[in-house]
Amino acid sequence: MRALLLGIFPVWWRRRHGTAYRALLDETPLSPAVIAGVLRAARHAWFDLTRSRLTLLSASALMAVTLTLLFVFVVGWNGFYKQNALGFDWRLVQLVSLGYAACGLFVAARGHRVVGFTTVLAAALAVLFQLSVGVPGWTAVEWPLQVCIVWFMALSCWAGWWAAYGVHDPRRHTGGLAAEG
């Protein structure tokens, strides 16, 4: 059970703190309060803002790119679902989906793997259903569009939050009062 609890932490955290934390877990009797504390610590490790390499410029550019891609994506999918698509709409959706996959890889490379790889997965879902590989009669199915649109809107909001607040979060800076004390 202790190995499973340690396994929920990110790899970088286990490399740095895993041995000492495992020793601490081995000395502590497991109780619901201890397990809840480990889960809270793992959540903090996964969402540790000091691990992010997004800057104000990169987060702002990401927000602008994702909003532009979102607009073009909605226009392209709108033609498909109304069944009045022009000849280039399917290529446009493929190109936008590849743009989202690139954004996802960029975000993952900047230390946000969950958001990045979920974006790549949503882009793959968009291409899959755009090519009508996913479900027979795909033009009548609305959930692929809804899943992709909601995630892509969330990505734009997330990038906007990073540009406005995440970059300036004091937890990202290792200097200051905590380092002086």
C-alpha atoms as a PDB file:
ATOM      1  CA  MET A   1       0.000   0.000   0.000  1.00  0.00           C
ATOM      2  CA  ARG A   2       2.855   2.392   0.808  1.00  0.00           C
ATOM      3  CA  ALA A   3       4.437   1.785  -2.602  1.00  0.00           C
ATOM      4  CA  LEU A   4       1.105   2.597  -4.254  1.00  0.00           C
ATOM      5  CA  LEU A   5       0.846   5.807  -2.262  1.00  0.00           C
ATOM      6  CA  LEU A   6       4.350   6.774  -3.323  1.00  0.00           C
ATOM      7  CA  GLY A   7       3.503   5.883  -6.932  1.00  0.00           C
ATOM      8  CA  ILE A   8       0.878   8.635  -7.216  1.00  0.00           C
ATOM      9  CA  PHE A   9       3.572  11.323  -7.021  1.00  0.00           C
ATOM     10  CA  PRO A  10       5.193  12.616 -10.237  1.00  0.00           C
ATOM     11  CA  VAL A  11       8.434  11.003 -11.357  1.00  0.00           C
ATOM     12  CA  TRP A  12      10.520  14.139 -10.779  1.00  0.00           C
ATOM     13  CA  TRP A  13       9.199  14.320  -7.195  1.00  0.00           C
ATOM     14  CA  ARG A  14       9.905  10.624  -6.496  1.00  0.00           C
ATOM     15  CA  ARG A  15      13.476  11.029  -7.749  1.00  0.00           C
ATOM     16  CA  ARG A  16      14.060  13.972  -5.443  1.00  0.00           C
ATOM     17  CA  HIS A  17      12.062  13.000  -2.333  1.00  0.00           C
ATOM     18  CA  GLY A  18      10.933   9.387  -2.820  1.00  0.00           C
ATOM     19  CA  THR A  19      13.442   7.607  -0.580  1.00  0.00           C
ATOM     20  CA  ALA A  20      12.969   9.918   2.382  1.00  0.00           C
ATOM     21  CA  TYR A  21       9.185   9.979   1.978  1.00  0.00           C
ATOM     22  CA  ARG A  22       9.041   6.169   1.777  1.00  0.00           C
ATOM     23  CA  ALA A  23      11.045   5.931   4.995  1.00  0.00           C
ATOM     24  CA  LEU A  24       8.624   8.342   6.648  1.00  0.00           C
ATOM     25  CA  LEU A  25       5.641   6.310   5.400  1.00  0.00           C
ATOM     26  CA  ASP A  26       7.221   3.087   6.676  1.00  0.00           C
ATOM     27  CA  GLU A  27       7.510   4.569  10.176  1.00  0.00           C
ATOM     28  CA  THR A  28       3.957   5.945  10.221  1.00  0.00           C
ATOM     29  CA  PRO A  29       0.922   3.721  10.789  1.00  0.00           C
ATOM     30  CA  LEU A  30      -1.529   4.122   7.920  1.00  0.00           C
ATOM     31  CA  SER A  31      -4.791   5.761   8.867  1.00  0.00           C
ATOM     32  CA  PRO A  32      -7.415   7.635   6.865  1.00  0.00           C
ATOM     33  CA  ALA A  33      -5.874  10.931   7.971  1.00  0.00           C
ATOM     34  CA  VAL A  34      -2.387   9.862   6.815  1.00  0.00           C
ATOM     35  CA  ILE A  35      -3.734   8.658   3.449  1.00  0.00           C
ATOM     36  CA  ALA A  36      -5.630  11.944   3.005  1.00  0.00           C
ATOM     37  CA  GLY A  37      -2.420  13.842   3.804  1.00  0.00           C
ATOM     38  CA  VAL A  38      -0.475  11.812   1.230  1.00  0.00           C
ATOM     39  CA  LEU A  39      -3.176  12.491  -1.385  1.00  0.00           C
ATOM     40  CA  ARG A  40      -3.023  16.228  -0.624  1.00  0.00           C
ATOM     41  CA  ALA A  41       0.766  16.186  -0.903  1.00  0.00           C
ATOM     42  CA  ALA A  42       0.557  14.349  -4.244  1.00  0.00           C
ATOM     43  CA  ARG A  43      -1.948  16.893  -5.537  1.00  0.00           C
ATOM     44  CA  HIS A  44       0.434  19.700  -4.569  1.00  0.00           C
ATOM     45  CA  ALA A  45       3.318  17.899  -6.265  1.00  0.00           C
ATOM     46  CA  TRP A  46       1.390  17.429  -9.512  1.00  0.00           C
ATOM     47  CA  PHE A  47       0.246  21.034  -9.594  1.00  0.00           C
ATOM     48  CA  ASP A  48       3.494  22.521  -8.294  1.00  0.00           C
ATOM     49  CA  LEU A  49       3.810  25.906  -9.939  1.00  0.00           C
ATOM     50  CA  THR A  50       7.572  25.992  -9.461  1.00  0.00           C
ATOM     51  CA  ARG A  51       7.891  23.215 -12.068  1.00  0.00           C
ATOM     52  CA  SER A  52       6.192  25.287 -14.774  1.00  0.00           C
ATOM     53  CA  ARG A  53       8.333  26.845 -17.450  1.00  0.00           C
ATOM     54  CA  LEU A  54       5.540  29.018 -18.845  1.00  0.00           C
ATOM     55  CA  THR A  55       6.400  32.687 -18.969  1.00  0.00           C
ATOM     56  CA  LEU A  56       4.127  35.674 -19.422  1.00  0.00           C
ATOM     57  CA  LEU A  57       5.047  35.862 -23.104  1.00  0.00           C
ATOM     58  CA  SER A  58       4.565  32.140 -23.798  1.00  0.00           C
ATOM     59  CA  ALA A  59       1.277  31.952 -21.861  1.00  0.00           C
ATOM     60  CA  SER A  60      -0.068  35.044 -23.642  1.00  0.00           C
ATOM     61  CA  ALA A  61       0.968  33.693 -27.045  1.00  0.00           C
ATOM     62  CA  LEU A  62      -0.594  30.329 -26.186  1.00  0.00           C
ATOM     63  CA  MET A  63      -3.849  32.046 -25.265  1.00  0.00           C
ATOM     64  CA  ALA A  64      -3.931  34.035 -28.517  1.00  0.00           C
ATOM     65  CA  VAL A  65      -3.114  30.975 -30.631  1.00  0.00           C
ATOM     66  CA  THR A  66      -5.690  28.752 -28.909  1.00  0.00           C
ATOM     67  CA  LEU A  67      -8.427  31.374 -29.237  1.00  0.00           C
ATOM     68  CA  THR A  68      -7.674  31.738 -32.957  1.00  0.00           C
ATOM     69  CA  LEU A  69      -7.630  27.968 -33.411  1.00  0.00           C
ATOM     70  CA  LEU A  70     -10.894  27.692 -31.491  1.00  0.00           C
ATOM     71  CA  PHE A  71     -12.625  30.162 -33.791  1.00  0.00           C
ATOM     72  CA  VAL A  72     -11.444  28.372 -36.940  1.00  0.00           C
ATOM     73  CA  PHE A  73     -12.289  24.970 -35.433  1.00  0.00           C
ATOM     74  CA  VAL A  74     -15.858  26.044 -34.633  1.00  0.00           C
ATOM     75  CA  VAL A  75     -16.335  27.446 -38.138  1.00  0.00           C
ATOM     76  CA  GLY A  76     -15.074  24.206 -39.711  1.00  0.00           C
ATOM     77  CA  TRP A  77     -17.109  21.862 -37.528  1.00  0.00           C
ATOM     78  CA  ASN A  78     -20.197  24.033 -37.953  1.00  0.00           C
ATOM     79  CA  GLY A  79     -20.158  23.278 -41.673  1.00  0.00           C
ATOM     80  CA  PHE A  80     -19.956  19.552 -41.023  1.00  0.00           C
ATOM     81  CA  TYR A  81     -22.763  19.408 -38.516  1.00  0.00           C
ATOM     82  CA  LYS A  82     -25.038  21.563 -40.652  1.00  0.00           C
ATOM     83  CA  GLN A  83     -24.000  19.383 -43.604  1.00  0.00           C
ATOM     84  CA  ASN A  84     -23.192  22.383 -45.776  1.00  0.00           C
ATOM     85  CA  ALA A  85     -19.417  22.020 -45.603  1.00  0.00           C
ATOM     86  CA  LEU A  86     -17.342  23.594 -48.303  1.00  0.00           C
ATOM     87  CA  GLY A  87     -14.670  21.535 -50.027  1.00  0.00           C
ATOM     88  CA  PHE A  88     -11.847  22.802 -47.802  1.00  0.00           C
ATOM     89  CA  ASP A  89     -13.606  22.565 -44.399  1.00  0.00           C
ATOM     90  CA  TRP A  90     -12.332  19.074 -43.650  1.00  0.00           C
ATOM     91  CA  ARG A  91      -8.746  20.124 -44.411  1.00  0.00           C
ATOM     92  CA  LEU A  92      -9.202  23.185 -42.216  1.00  0.00           C
ATOM     93  CA  VAL A  93     -10.364  21.058 -39.285  1.00  0.00           C
ATOM     94  CA  GLN A  94      -7.412  18.703 -39.765  1.00  0.00           C
ATOM     95  CA  LEU A  95      -4.976  21.621 -39.846  1.00  0.00           C
ATOM     96  CA  VAL A  96      -6.498  23.184 -36.721  1.00  0.00           C
ATOM     97  CA  SER A  97      -6.390  19.821 -34.941  1.00  0.00           C
ATOM     98  CA  LEU A  98      -2.701  19.524 -35.776  1.00  0.00           C
ATOM     99  CA  GLY A  99      -2.255  23.050 -34.395  1.00  0.00           C
ATOM    100  CA  TYR A 100      -3.904  21.960 -31.150  1.00  0.00           C
ATOM    101  CA  ALA A 101      -1.682  18.882 -30.999  1.00  0.00           C
ATOM    102  CA  ALA A 102       1.355  21.171 -31.354  1.00  0.00           C
ATOM    103  CA  CYS A 103      -0.011  23.416 -28.574  1.00  0.00           C
ATOM    104  CA  GLY A 104      -0.488  20.337 -26.390  1.00  0.00           C
ATOM    105  CA  LEU A 105       3.084  19.197 -26.958  1.00  0.00           C
ATOM    106  CA  PHE A 106       4.319  22.731 -26.196  1.00  0.00           C
ATOM    107  CA  VAL A 107       2.378  22.802 -22.919  1.00  0.00           C
ATOM    108  CA  ALA A 108       3.627  19.318 -21.983  1.00  0.00           C
ATOM    109  CA  ALA A 109       7.211  20.381 -22.676  1.00  0.00           C
ATOM    110  CA  ARG A 110       6.715  23.347 -20.341  1.00  0.00           C
ATOM    111  CA  GLY A 111       5.953  21.065 -17.390  1.00  0.00           C
ATOM    112  CA  HIS A 112       2.162  20.675 -17.679  1.00  0.00           C
ATOM    113  CA  ARG A 113       1.954  17.090 -18.918  1.00  0.00           C
ATOM    114  CA  VAL A 114      -1.654  16.392 -17.961  1.00  0.00           C
ATOM    115  CA  VAL A 115      -2.997  19.467 -19.757  1.00  0.00           C
ATOM    116  CA  GLY A 116      -0.657  18.964 -22.704  1.00  0.00           C
ATOM    117  CA  PHE A 117      -1.374  15.306 -23.348  1.00  0.00           C
ATOM    118  CA  THR A 118      -5.119  15.781 -22.826  1.00  0.00           C
ATOM    119  CA  THR A 119      -4.970  18.457 -25.526  1.00  0.00           C
ATOM    120  CA  VAL A 120      -3.149  16.067 -27.866  1.00  0.00           C
ATOM    121  CA  LEU A 121      -5.804  13.429 -27.132  1.00  0.00           C
ATOM    122  CA  ALA A 122      -8.630  15.907 -27.883  1.00  0.00           C
ATOM    123  CA  ALA A 123      -6.915  16.876 -31.148  1.00  0.00           C
ATOM    124  CA  ALA A 124      -6.636  13.204 -32.113  1.00  0.00           C
ATOM    125  CA  LEU A 125     -10.325  12.735 -31.285  1.00  0.00           C
ATOM    126  CA  ALA A 126     -11.189  15.681 -33.531  1.00  0.00           C
ATOM    127  CA  VAL A 127      -9.219  14.239 -36.449  1.00  0.00           C
ATOM    128  CA  LEU A 128     -10.629  10.765 -35.869  1.00  0.00           C
ATOM    129  CA  PHE A 129     -14.226  11.887 -35.966  1.00  0.00           C
ATOM    130  CA  GLN A 130     -13.595  14.350 -38.738  1.00  0.00           C
ATOM    131  CA  LEU A 131     -12.407  11.476 -40.885  1.00  0.00           C
ATOM    132  CA  SER A 132     -15.587   9.568 -39.889  1.00  0.00           C
ATOM    133  CA  VAL A 133     -13.500   6.725 -38.468  1.00  0.00           C
ATOM    134  CA  GLY A 134     -14.964   6.968 -34.963  1.00  0.00           C
ATOM    135  CA  VAL A 135     -18.669   6.224 -35.222  1.00  0.00           C
ATOM    136  CA  PRO A 136     -20.798   5.213 -38.201  1.00  0.00           C
ATOM    137  CA  GLY A 137     -23.219   8.029 -38.913  1.00  0.00           C
ATOM    138  CA  TRP A 138     -20.860  10.477 -37.219  1.00  0.00           C
ATOM    139  CA  THR A 139     -22.640  13.567 -38.520  1.00  0.00           C
ATOM    140  CA  ALA A 140     -25.583  12.745 -36.257  1.00  0.00           C
ATOM    141  CA  VAL A 141     -23.397  12.291 -33.181  1.00  0.00           C
ATOM    142  CA  GLU A 142     -22.758  15.488 -31.247  1.00  0.00           C
ATOM    143  CA  TRP A 143     -20.519  14.371 -28.368  1.00  0.00           C
ATOM    144  CA  PRO A 144     -17.191  14.413 -30.287  1.00  0.00           C
ATOM    145  CA  LEU A 145     -17.794  18.050 -31.187  1.00  0.00           C
ATOM    146  CA  GLN A 146     -18.845  18.888 -27.650  1.00  0.00           C
ATOM    147  CA  VAL A 147     -15.863  17.164 -26.028  1.00  0.00           C
ATOM    148  CA  CYS A 148     -13.344  18.842 -28.340  1.00  0.00           C
ATOM    149  CA  ILE A 149     -14.931  22.288 -28.143  1.00  0.00           C
ATOM    150  CA  VAL A 150     -15.216  22.211 -24.354  1.00  0.00           C
ATOM    151  CA  TRP A 151     -11.616  21.080 -23.911  1.00  0.00           C
ATOM    152  CA  PHE A 152     -10.278  23.618 -26.405  1.00  0.00           C
ATOM    153  CA  MET A 153     -12.225  26.414 -24.686  1.00  0.00           C
ATOM    154  CA  ALA A 154     -10.867  25.215 -21.337  1.00  0.00           C
ATOM    155  CA  LEU A 155      -7.339  25.271 -22.750  1.00  0.00           C
ATOM    156  CA  SER A 156      -7.792  28.888 -23.848  1.00  0.00           C
ATOM    157  CA  CYS A 157      -9.108  29.812 -20.387  1.00  0.00           C
ATOM    158  CA  TRP A 158      -6.230  27.939 -18.722  1.00  0.00           C
ATOM    159  CA  ALA A 159      -3.678  29.795 -20.870  1.00  0.00           C
ATOM    160  CA  GLY A 160      -5.394  33.080 -20.013  1.00  0.00           C
ATOM    161  CA  TRP A 161      -5.250  32.243 -16.318  1.00  0.00           C
ATOM    162  CA  TRP A 162      -1.532  31.487 -16.619  1.00  0.00           C
ATOM    163  CA  ALA A 163      -0.936  34.773 -18.418  1.00  0.00           C
ATOM    164  CA  ALA A 164      -2.880  36.721 -15.781  1.00  0.00           C
ATOM    165  CA  TYR A 165      -2.111  34.902 -12.525  1.00  0.00           C
ATOM    166  CA  GLY A 166      -0.004  31.757 -12.805  1.00  0.00           C
ATOM    167  CA  VAL A 167       3.155  33.435 -14.036  1.00  0.00           C
ATOM    168  CA  HIS A 168       3.049  35.892 -11.142  1.00  0.00           C
ATOM    169  CA  ASP A 169       2.276  33.360  -8.420  1.00  0.00           C
ATOM    170  CA  PRO A 170       4.777  33.831  -5.571  1.00  0.00           C
ATOM    171  CA  ARG A 171       5.067  30.040  -5.170  1.00  0.00           C
ATOM    172  CA  ARG A 172       6.956  29.949  -8.490  1.00  0.00           C
ATOM    173  CA  HIS A 173       9.821  32.021  -7.136  1.00  0.00           C
ATOM    174  CA  THR A 174      12.331  30.220  -4.955  1.00  0.00           C
ATOM    175  CA  GLY A 175      13.927  33.414  -3.676  1.00  0.00           C
ATOM    176  CA  GLY A 176      12.460  35.902  -1.271  1.00  0.00           C
ATOM    177  CA  LEU A 177      11.685  35.595   2.419  1.00  0.00           C
ATOM    178  CA  ALA A 178      11.618  31.804   2.487  1.00  0.00           C
ATOM    179  CA  ALA A 179      15.148  31.605   1.043  1.00  0.00           C
ATOM    180  CA  GLU A 180      16.527  34.288   3.323  1.00  0.00           C
ATOM    181  CA  GLY A 181      15.289  32.672   6.553  1.00  0.00           C
END
